[in-house]
Amino acid sequence: MLGKLIKYDMRSISRGFIPLWILAPIVSLLFGLSAGATFSDDDSMLYGLFLSLGGDVLTTVVSVLFFGILIALGILTLLFIIQRFWKGLLKEEGYLAFTLPVETWQLIMGKAVSALLVSVVSAVVAFLSFVILVLCMKELRWLFSWVAEAFRGLFLENPAWWCVMAVLAVVLFLFATVSNIYRLYAAMALGQLFENHRVIGAFASYLGISVALSVLTGTLGAIFAMILAAFDLEWLEALLEQGEIFGIVAMLALILWSAIETAVYHILTE
């Protein structure tokens, strides 16, 4: 049943997202090619013809279109996360949703999984669009080559560690994204307590959660620093000296923290 809930939510993305997911790489390719031709120092007839036909104007138009698509993609993703939860569970659609033979946590999780899928695909499309743009522009290829060469040098030194860190980075990205989605859900759920001002209540709840989280993390950091100052923790010093091990431990700690946040937000929302 959870799969059906996710499938139902994903149907609503076809109108807004799929055209943008297709257009973003295409426009980035056009932007890269036109910008590369406009700012090229090549004196050939082909480049001269391109500029004489208004190539600089075309580059400006395509650049505005490119960044406009990326901004629209980010805004639509945020609106999708908010709208599907607000309308699907807190407004008229919610009356139908809560009559289905599923638990409340499944309804919430269905929305969260759909939001995660849309967020991940949008992020991947944006990243690929920038990669295409860099590869098409000669002036920026050095940056891509430099990053690739630097990463290659580091990877060859310790490939196993970099593979582990890459996997942990992906897992952390997913957990952090889910945590942010659930924070929005918790704020919208708390906003329902303000009967006549639910939208303002949701906004205020999100700010309150963010401030409380900042205070909590600051307090825990201060307590941890006091513990370090009060005790001679040789094992911690040894861990800090081992940069590779410390990196893995830090990533695992961040993943655990995101998982705890997500669990708290889910309980609060449910």
C-alpha atoms as a PDB file:
ATOM      1  CA  MET A   1       0.000   0.000   0.000  1.00  0.00           C
ATOM      2  CA  LEU A   2       2.916   2.313   0.720  1.00  0.00           C
ATOM      3  CA  GLY A   3       4.060   1.856  -2.876  1.00  0.00           C
ATOM      4  CA  LYS A   4       0.634   2.878  -4.167  1.00  0.00           C
ATOM      5  CA  LEU A   5       0.727   6.025  -2.030  1.00  0.00           C
ATOM      6  CA  ILE A   6       4.128   6.941  -3.449  1.00  0.00           C
ATOM      7  CA  LYS A   7       2.955   6.195  -7.004  1.00  0.00           C
ATOM      8  CA  TYR A   8      -0.067   8.446  -6.526  1.00  0.00           C
ATOM      9  CA  ASP A   9       2.096  11.355  -5.367  1.00  0.00           C
ATOM     10  CA  MET A  10       4.640  10.853  -8.138  1.00  0.00           C
ATOM     11  CA  ARG A  11       1.940  11.197 -10.793  1.00  0.00           C
ATOM     12  CA  SER A  12       1.593  14.864  -9.934  1.00  0.00           C
ATOM     13  CA  ILE A  13       5.185  15.631 -10.975  1.00  0.00           C
ATOM     14  CA  SER A  14       4.704  14.937 -14.687  1.00  0.00           C
ATOM     15  CA  ARG A  15       3.433  18.399 -15.611  1.00  0.00           C
ATOM     16  CA  GLY A  16       5.914  20.575 -13.760  1.00  0.00           C
ATOM     17  CA  PHE A  17       9.112  18.633 -13.239  1.00  0.00           C
ATOM     18  CA  ILE A  18       9.685  16.398 -16.251  1.00  0.00           C
ATOM     19  CA  PRO A  19       9.828  19.322 -18.744  1.00  0.00           C
ATOM     20  CA  LEU A  20      12.324  21.124 -16.489  1.00  0.00           C
ATOM     21  CA  TRP A  21      14.389  17.963 -15.965  1.00  0.00           C
ATOM     22  CA  ILE A  22      14.653  17.624 -19.755  1.00  0.00           C
ATOM     23  CA  LEU A  23      15.170  21.318 -20.514  1.00  0.00           C
ATOM     24  CA  ALA A  24      17.904  21.990 -17.937  1.00  0.00           C
ATOM     25  CA  PRO A  25      20.650  19.839 -19.588  1.00  0.00           C
ATOM     26  CA  ILE A  26      19.620  20.984 -23.079  1.00  0.00           C
ATOM     27  CA  VAL A  27      19.720  24.672 -22.160  1.00  0.00           C
ATOM     28  CA  SER A  28      23.028  24.199 -20.307  1.00  0.00           C
ATOM     29  CA  LEU A  29      24.476  22.658 -23.492  1.00  0.00           C
ATOM     30  CA  LEU A  30      23.251  25.609 -25.595  1.00  0.00           C
ATOM     31  CA  PHE A  31      24.522  28.058 -22.994  1.00  0.00           C
ATOM     32  CA  GLY A  32      27.936  26.408 -22.909  1.00  0.00           C
ATOM     33  CA  LEU A  33      28.301  26.299 -26.680  1.00  0.00           C
ATOM     34  CA  SER A  34      27.102  29.865 -27.248  1.00  0.00           C
ATOM     35  CA  ALA A  35      29.181  31.268 -24.368  1.00  0.00           C
ATOM     36  CA  GLY A  36      32.221  29.360 -25.584  1.00  0.00           C
ATOM     37  CA  ALA A  37      31.783  30.848 -29.044  1.00  0.00           C
ATOM     38  CA  THR A  38      31.102  34.367 -27.747  1.00  0.00           C
ATOM     39  CA  PHE A  39      34.146  34.597 -25.482  1.00  0.00           C
ATOM     40  CA  SER A  40      36.475  32.580 -27.683  1.00  0.00           C
ATOM     41  CA  ASP A  41      39.636  34.203 -29.033  1.00  0.00           C
ATOM     42  CA  ASP A  42      39.310  32.192 -32.247  1.00  0.00           C
ATOM     43  CA  ASP A  43      39.433  34.448 -35.349  1.00  0.00           C
ATOM     44  CA  SER A  44      37.921  31.925 -37.750  1.00  0.00           C
ATOM     45  CA  MET A  45      35.087  32.811 -40.104  1.00  0.00           C
ATOM     46  CA  LEU A  46      32.643  30.549 -38.243  1.00  0.00           C
ATOM     47  CA  TYR A  47      33.034  32.434 -34.979  1.00  0.00           C
ATOM     48  CA  GLY A  48      32.853  35.774 -36.791  1.00  0.00           C
ATOM     49  CA  LEU A  49      29.604  34.716 -38.469  1.00  0.00           C
ATOM     50  CA  PHE A  50      28.185  33.612 -35.109  1.00  0.00           C
ATOM     51  CA  LEU A  51      28.934  36.989 -33.530  1.00  0.00           C
ATOM     52  CA  SER A  52      27.614  38.920 -36.519  1.00  0.00           C
ATOM     53  CA  LEU A  53      24.290  37.077 -36.281  1.00  0.00           C
ATOM     54  CA  GLY A  54      23.813  38.199 -32.695  1.00  0.00           C
ATOM     55  CA  GLY A  55      25.636  35.459 -30.850  1.00  0.00           C
ATOM     56  CA  ASP A  56      26.237  37.646 -27.805  1.00  0.00           C
ATOM     57  CA  VAL A  57      22.520  38.365 -27.526  1.00  0.00           C
ATOM     58  CA  LEU A  58      21.771  34.655 -27.842  1.00  0.00           C
ATOM     59  CA  THR A  59      24.265  33.909 -25.077  1.00  0.00           C
ATOM     60  CA  THR A  60      22.598  36.438 -22.777  1.00  0.00           C
ATOM     61  CA  VAL A  61      19.129  35.035 -23.458  1.00  0.00           C
ATOM     62  CA  VAL A  62      20.224  31.431 -22.971  1.00  0.00           C
ATOM     63  CA  SER A  63      22.100  32.272 -19.761  1.00  0.00           C
ATOM     64  CA  VAL A  64      19.013  33.955 -18.279  1.00  0.00           C
ATOM     65  CA  LEU A  65      16.919  30.966 -19.352  1.00  0.00           C
ATOM     66  CA  PHE A  66      19.427  28.515 -17.844  1.00  0.00           C
ATOM     67  CA  PHE A  67      19.561  30.134 -14.409  1.00  0.00           C
ATOM     68  CA  GLY A  68      15.822  30.735 -14.526  1.00  0.00           C
ATOM     69  CA  ILE A  69      15.212  27.017 -15.052  1.00  0.00           C
ATOM     70  CA  LEU A  70      17.482  26.103 -12.131  1.00  0.00           C
ATOM     71  CA  ILE A  71      15.758  28.616  -9.849  1.00  0.00           C
ATOM     72  CA  ALA A  72      12.342  27.368 -10.979  1.00  0.00           C
ATOM     73  CA  LEU A  73      13.451  23.799 -10.335  1.00  0.00           C
ATOM     74  CA  GLY A  74      14.456  24.643  -6.768  1.00  0.00           C
ATOM     75  CA  ILE A  75      11.244  26.556  -6.078  1.00  0.00           C
ATOM     76  CA  LEU A  76       9.054  23.832  -7.593  1.00  0.00           C
ATOM     77  CA  THR A  77      10.799  21.174  -5.509  1.00  0.00           C
ATOM     78  CA  LEU A  78      10.136  23.118  -2.316  1.00  0.00           C
ATOM     79  CA  LEU A  79       6.529  23.774  -3.329  1.00  0.00           C
ATOM     80  CA  PHE A  80       6.041  20.090  -4.155  1.00  0.00           C
ATOM     81  CA  ILE A  81       7.264  19.068  -0.696  1.00  0.00           C
ATOM     82  CA  ILE A  82       4.985  21.559   1.035  1.00  0.00           C
ATOM     83  CA  GLN A  83       1.951  21.266  -1.218  1.00  0.00           C
ATOM     84  CA  ARG A  84       1.712  17.481  -1.319  1.00  0.00           C
ATOM     85  CA  PHE A  85       1.789  17.261   2.476  1.00  0.00           C
ATOM     86  CA  TRP A  86      -0.427  20.287   3.109  1.00  0.00           C
ATOM     87  CA  LYS A  87      -3.109  19.378   0.589  1.00  0.00           C
ATOM     88  CA  GLY A  88      -2.705  15.621   0.814  1.00  0.00           C
ATOM     89  CA  LEU A  89      -2.971  15.267   4.580  1.00  0.00           C
ATOM     90  CA  LEU A  90      -4.010  18.578   6.137  1.00  0.00           C
ATOM     91  CA  LYS A  91      -6.644  19.834   3.697  1.00  0.00           C
ATOM     92  CA  GLU A  92      -9.570  18.310   1.783  1.00  0.00           C
ATOM     93  CA  GLU A  93      -7.557  15.405   0.348  1.00  0.00           C
ATOM     94  CA  GLY A  94      -6.686  14.434   3.900  1.00  0.00           C
ATOM     95  CA  TYR A  95     -10.245  13.340   4.593  1.00  0.00           C
ATOM     96  CA  LEU A  96      -9.914  10.743   1.846  1.00  0.00           C
ATOM     97  CA  ALA A  97      -6.342   9.801   2.770  1.00  0.00           C
ATOM     98  CA  PHE A  98      -7.226   8.972   6.370  1.00  0.00           C
ATOM     99  CA  THR A  99     -10.050   6.683   5.258  1.00  0.00           C
ATOM    100  CA  LEU A 100      -7.540   4.411   3.489  1.00  0.00           C
ATOM    101  CA  PRO A 101      -6.616   1.140   5.236  1.00  0.00           C
ATOM    102  CA  VAL A 102      -3.108   2.340   6.143  1.00  0.00           C
ATOM    103  CA  GLU A 103      -1.426   3.610   9.276  1.00  0.00           C
ATOM    104  CA  THR A 104      -0.704   7.292   9.795  1.00  0.00           C
ATOM    105  CA  TRP A 105       3.044   6.720   9.656  1.00  0.00           C
ATOM    106  CA  GLN A 106       2.634   5.168   6.203  1.00  0.00           C
ATOM    107  CA  LEU A 107       0.806   8.236   4.927  1.00  0.00           C
ATOM    108  CA  ILE A 108       3.580  10.477   6.226  1.00  0.00           C
ATOM    109  CA  MET A 109       6.338   8.226   4.922  1.00  0.00           C
ATOM    110  CA  GLY A 110       4.695   8.024   1.508  1.00  0.00           C
ATOM    111  CA  LYS A 111       4.839  11.803   1.209  1.00  0.00           C
ATOM    112  CA  ALA A 112       8.433  11.852   2.474  1.00  0.00           C
ATOM    113  CA  VAL A 113       9.663   9.218   0.007  1.00  0.00           C
ATOM    114  CA  SER A 114       8.039  11.044  -2.911  1.00  0.00           C
ATOM    115  CA  ALA A 115       9.578  14.325  -1.779  1.00  0.00           C
ATOM    116  CA  LEU A 116      12.979  12.640  -1.427  1.00  0.00           C
ATOM    117  CA  LEU A 117      12.819  11.188  -4.937  1.00  0.00           C
ATOM    118  CA  VAL A 118      11.916  14.545  -6.461  1.00  0.00           C
ATOM    119  CA  SER A 119      14.648  16.312  -4.471  1.00  0.00           C
ATOM    120  CA  VAL A 120      17.323  13.799  -5.479  1.00  0.00           C
ATOM    121  CA  VAL A 121      16.408  13.857  -9.177  1.00  0.00           C
ATOM    122  CA  SER A 122      16.319  17.676  -9.194  1.00  0.00           C
ATOM    123  CA  ALA A 123      19.738  17.834  -7.500  1.00  0.00           C
ATOM    124  CA  VAL A 124      21.226  15.331  -9.969  1.00  0.00           C
ATOM    125  CA  VAL A 125      19.793  17.234 -12.948  1.00  0.00           C
ATOM    126  CA  ALA A 126      21.199  20.531 -11.641  1.00  0.00           C
ATOM    127  CA  PHE A 127      24.628  18.960 -11.060  1.00  0.00           C
ATOM    128  CA  LEU A 128      24.716  17.377 -14.531  1.00  0.00           C
ATOM    129  CA  SER A 129      23.663  20.686 -16.083  1.00  0.00           C
ATOM    130  CA  PHE A 130      26.607  22.472 -14.481  1.00  0.00           C
ATOM    131  CA  VAL A 131      28.973  19.681 -15.575  1.00  0.00           C
ATOM    132  CA  ILE A 132      27.739  20.015 -19.171  1.00  0.00           C
ATOM    133  CA  LEU A 133      28.175  23.788 -18.979  1.00  0.00           C
ATOM    134  CA  VAL A 134      31.764  23.475 -17.730  1.00  0.00           C
ATOM    135  CA  LEU A 135      32.699  20.891 -20.349  1.00  0.00           C
ATOM    136  CA  CYS A 136      31.317  23.031 -23.190  1.00  0.00           C
ATOM    137  CA  MET A 137      33.204  26.186 -22.215  1.00  0.00           C
ATOM    138  CA  LYS A 138      36.934  26.128 -22.908  1.00  0.00           C
ATOM    139  CA  GLU A 139      37.462  28.874 -20.336  1.00  0.00           C
ATOM    140  CA  LEU A 140      36.106  26.618 -17.577  1.00  0.00           C
ATOM    141  CA  ARG A 141      37.494  23.266 -18.662  1.00  0.00           C
ATOM    142  CA  TRP A 142      40.661  23.887 -16.675  1.00  0.00           C
ATOM    143  CA  LEU A 143      38.556  23.911 -13.507  1.00  0.00           C
ATOM    144  CA  PHE A 144      37.043  20.528 -14.313  1.00  0.00           C
ATOM    145  CA  SER A 145      40.438  19.138 -15.280  1.00  0.00           C
ATOM    146  CA  TRP A 146      42.029  20.517 -12.098  1.00  0.00           C
ATOM    147  CA  VAL A 147      39.355  19.008  -9.857  1.00  0.00           C
ATOM    148  CA  ALA A 148      39.513  15.680 -11.699  1.00  0.00           C
ATOM    149  CA  GLU A 149      43.319  15.560 -11.512  1.00  0.00           C
ATOM    150  CA  ALA A 150      43.380  16.520  -7.835  1.00  0.00           C
ATOM    151  CA  PHE A 151      40.749  13.935  -6.964  1.00  0.00           C
ATOM    152  CA  ARG A 152      42.578  11.324  -9.010  1.00  0.00           C
ATOM    153  CA  GLY A 153      45.808  11.978  -7.134  1.00  0.00           C
ATOM    154  CA  LEU A 154      44.075  11.722  -3.767  1.00  0.00           C
ATOM    155  CA  PHE A 155      42.085   8.666  -4.815  1.00  0.00           C
ATOM    156  CA  LEU A 156      45.161   6.729  -5.895  1.00  0.00           C
ATOM    157  CA  GLU A 157      46.748   7.287  -2.477  1.00  0.00           C
ATOM    158  CA  ASN A 158      43.941   5.503  -0.626  1.00  0.00           C
ATOM    159  CA  PRO A 159      41.164   4.263  -2.942  1.00  0.00           C
ATOM    160  CA  ALA A 160      39.386   2.178  -0.286  1.00  0.00           C
ATOM    161  CA  TRP A 161      39.020   5.169   2.070  1.00  0.00           C
ATOM    162  CA  TRP A 162      37.721   7.433  -0.697  1.00  0.00           C
ATOM    163  CA  CYS A 163      35.165   4.820  -1.747  1.00  0.00           C
ATOM    164  CA  VAL A 164      33.928   4.565   1.836  1.00  0.00           C
ATOM    165  CA  MET A 165      33.765   8.352   2.151  1.00  0.00           C
ATOM    166  CA  ALA A 166      31.869   8.625  -1.155  1.00  0.00           C
ATOM    167  CA  VAL A 167      29.272   6.125   0.038  1.00  0.00           C
ATOM    168  CA  LEU A 168      28.974   7.888   3.398  1.00  0.00           C
ATOM    169  CA  ALA A 169      28.621  11.253   1.634  1.00  0.00           C
ATOM    170  CA  VAL A 170      25.715   9.939  -0.448  1.00  0.00           C
ATOM    171  CA  VAL A 171      24.075   8.426   2.636  1.00  0.00           C
ATOM    172  CA  LEU A 172      24.547  11.692   4.551  1.00  0.00           C
ATOM    173  CA  PHE A 173      23.013  13.668   1.680  1.00  0.00           C
ATOM    174  CA  LEU A 174      19.960  11.396   1.683  1.00  0.00           C
ATOM    175  CA  PHE A 175      19.550  11.513   5.467  1.00  0.00           C
ATOM    176  CA  ALA A 176      20.025  15.286   5.585  1.00  0.00           C
ATOM    177  CA  THR A 177      17.475  15.767   2.793  1.00  0.00           C
ATOM    178  CA  VAL A 178      14.935  13.551   4.560  1.00  0.00           C
ATOM    179  CA  SER A 179      15.576  15.403   7.822  1.00  0.00           C
ATOM    180  CA  ASN A 180      14.879  18.761   6.170  1.00  0.00           C
ATOM    181  CA  ILE A 181      11.712  17.380   4.579  1.00  0.00           C
ATOM    182  CA  TYR A 182      10.455  16.068   7.899  1.00  0.00           C
ATOM    183  CA  ARG A 183      11.244  19.388   9.571  1.00  0.00           C
ATOM    184  CA  LEU A 184       8.835  21.040   7.136  1.00  0.00           C
ATOM    185  CA  TYR A 185       6.248  18.356   7.875  1.00  0.00           C
ATOM    186  CA  ALA A 186       6.572  18.843  11.632  1.00  0.00           C
ATOM    187  CA  ALA A 187       6.212  22.612  11.258  1.00  0.00           C
ATOM    188  CA  MET A 188       3.091  22.240   9.108  1.00  0.00           C
ATOM    189  CA  ALA A 189       1.605  19.757  11.573  1.00  0.00           C
ATOM    190  CA  LEU A 190       2.248  22.126  14.489  1.00  0.00           C
ATOM    191  CA  GLY A 191       0.753  24.944  12.458  1.00  0.00           C
ATOM    192  CA  GLN A 192      -2.617  23.195  12.610  1.00  0.00           C
ATOM    193  CA  LEU A 193      -2.787  24.114  16.298  1.00  0.00           C
ATOM    194  CA  PHE A 194      -3.317  27.742  15.223  1.00  0.00           C
ATOM    195  CA  GLU A 195      -6.884  27.287  13.998  1.00  0.00           C
ATOM    196  CA  ASN A 196      -7.382  30.694  12.388  1.00  0.00           C
ATOM    197  CA  HIS A 197      -3.773  31.303  11.308  1.00  0.00           C
ATOM    198  CA  ARG A 198      -2.433  27.928  10.269  1.00  0.00           C
ATOM    199  CA  VAL A 199      -0.059  29.167   7.581  1.00  0.00           C
ATOM    200  CA  ILE A 200       1.476  31.737   9.936  1.00  0.00           C
ATOM    201  CA  GLY A 201       1.538  29.067  12.644  1.00  0.00           C
ATOM    202  CA  ALA A 202       3.421  26.675  10.371  1.00  0.00           C
ATOM    203  CA  PHE A 203       5.956  29.382   9.483  1.00  0.00           C
ATOM    204  CA  ALA A 204       6.402  30.314  13.152  1.00  0.00           C
ATOM    205  CA  SER A 205       6.745  26.633  14.072  1.00  0.00           C
ATOM    206  CA  TYR A 206       9.488  26.151  11.480  1.00  0.00           C
ATOM    207  CA  LEU A 207      11.396  29.122  12.862  1.00  0.00           C
ATOM    208  CA  GLY A 208      10.881  27.831  16.403  1.00  0.00           C
ATOM    209  CA  ILE A 209      12.170  24.373  15.481  1.00  0.00           C
ATOM    210  CA  SER A 210      15.203  25.857  13.739  1.00  0.00           C
ATOM    211  CA  VAL A 211      16.043  28.090  16.707  1.00  0.00           C
ATOM    212  CA  ALA A 212      15.560  25.216  19.164  1.00  0.00           C
ATOM    213  CA  LEU A 213      17.819  23.012  17.042  1.00  0.00           C
ATOM    214  CA  SER A 214      20.509  25.702  16.947  1.00  0.00           C
ATOM    215  CA  VAL A 215      20.339  26.133  20.723  1.00  0.00           C
ATOM    216  CA  LEU A 216      20.486  22.367  21.244  1.00  0.00           C
ATOM    217  CA  THR A 217      23.488  21.861  18.984  1.00  0.00           C
ATOM    218  CA  GLY A 218      25.266  24.819  20.579  1.00  0.00           C
ATOM    219  CA  THR A 219      24.581  23.472  24.073  1.00  0.00           C
ATOM    220  CA  LEU A 220      25.764  19.982  23.187  1.00  0.00           C
ATOM    221  CA  GLY A 221      28.888  21.450  21.608  1.00  0.00           C
ATOM    222  CA  ALA A 222      29.628  23.458  24.748  1.00  0.00           C
ATOM    223  CA  ILE A 223      29.093  20.412  26.957  1.00  0.00           C
ATOM    224  CA  PHE A 224      31.376  18.336  24.743  1.00  0.00           C
ATOM    225  CA  ALA A 225      34.046  21.039  24.898  1.00  0.00           C
ATOM    226  CA  MET A 226      33.791  21.136  28.713  1.00  0.00           C
ATOM    227  CA  ILE A 227      34.202  17.377  28.869  1.00  0.00           C
ATOM    228  CA  LEU A 228      37.299  17.583  26.705  1.00  0.00           C
ATOM    229  CA  ALA A 229      38.709  20.318  28.933  1.00  0.00           C
ATOM    230  CA  ALA A 230      37.989  18.395  32.144  1.00  0.00           C
ATOM    231  CA  PHE A 231      39.381  15.010  31.151  1.00  0.00           C
ATOM    232  CA  ASP A 232      42.573  13.904  29.501  1.00  0.00           C
ATOM    233  CA  LEU A 233      41.142  11.872  26.674  1.00  0.00           C
ATOM    234  CA  GLU A 234      44.164  10.335  25.046  1.00  0.00           C
ATOM    235  CA  TRP A 235      42.021   8.172  22.808  1.00  0.00           C
ATOM    236  CA  LEU A 236      40.405  11.263  21.309  1.00  0.00           C
ATOM    237  CA  GLU A 237      43.763  12.869  20.637  1.00  0.00           C
ATOM    238  CA  ALA A 238      44.894   9.677  18.943  1.00  0.00           C
ATOM    239  CA  LEU A 239      41.702   9.667  16.871  1.00  0.00           C
ATOM    240  CA  LEU A 240      42.252  13.265  15.765  1.00  0.00           C
ATOM    241  CA  GLU A 241      45.765  12.377  14.661  1.00  0.00           C
ATOM    242  CA  GLN A 242      44.335   9.649  12.443  1.00  0.00           C
ATOM    243  CA  GLY A 243      42.701  11.889   9.867  1.00  0.00           C
ATOM    244  CA  GLU A 244      41.178   9.085   7.807  1.00  0.00           C
ATOM    245  CA  ILE A 245      39.556   7.388  10.786  1.00  0.00           C
ATOM    246  CA  PHE A 246      38.372  10.727  12.156  1.00  0.00           C
ATOM    247  CA  GLY A 247      36.752  11.552   8.797  1.00  0.00           C
ATOM    248  CA  ILE A 248      34.755   8.313   8.808  1.00  0.00           C
ATOM    249  CA  VAL A 249      33.727   8.776  12.453  1.00  0.00           C
ATOM    250  CA  ALA A 250      32.636  12.357  11.750  1.00  0.00           C
ATOM    251  CA  MET A 251      30.529  11.275   8.766  1.00  0.00           C
ATOM    252  CA  LEU A 252      28.898   8.503  10.792  1.00  0.00           C
ATOM    253  CA  ALA A 253      28.155  10.974  13.594  1.00  0.00           C
ATOM    254  CA  LEU A 254      26.491  13.374  11.152  1.00  0.00           C
ATOM    255  CA  ILE A 255      24.428  10.545   9.657  1.00  0.00           C
ATOM    256  CA  LEU A 256      23.350   9.440  13.133  1.00  0.00           C
ATOM    257  CA  TRP A 257      22.404  13.003  14.058  1.00  0.00           C
ATOM    258  CA  SER A 258      20.309  13.383  10.890  1.00  0.00           C
ATOM    259  CA  ALA A 259      18.598  10.053  11.604  1.00  0.00           C
ATOM    260  CA  ILE A 260      17.753  11.160  15.159  1.00  0.00           C
ATOM    261  CA  GLU A 261      16.385  14.458  13.857  1.00  0.00           C
ATOM    262  CA  THR A 262      14.241  12.627  11.314  1.00  0.00           C
ATOM    263  CA  ALA A 263      12.858  10.258  13.958  1.00  0.00           C
ATOM    264  CA  VAL A 264      11.958  13.161  16.275  1.00  0.00           C
ATOM    265  CA  TYR A 265      10.278  15.105  13.465  1.00  0.00           C
ATOM    266  CA  HIS A 266       8.349  12.024  12.360  1.00  0.00           C
ATOM    267  CA  ILE A 267       7.066  11.315  15.893  1.00  0.00           C
ATOM    268  CA  LEU A 268       6.133  14.975  16.306  1.00  0.00           C
ATOM    269  CA  THR A 269       4.300  15.008  12.961  1.00  0.00           C
ATOM    270  CA  GLU A 270       2.456  11.751  13.573  1.00  0.00           C
END
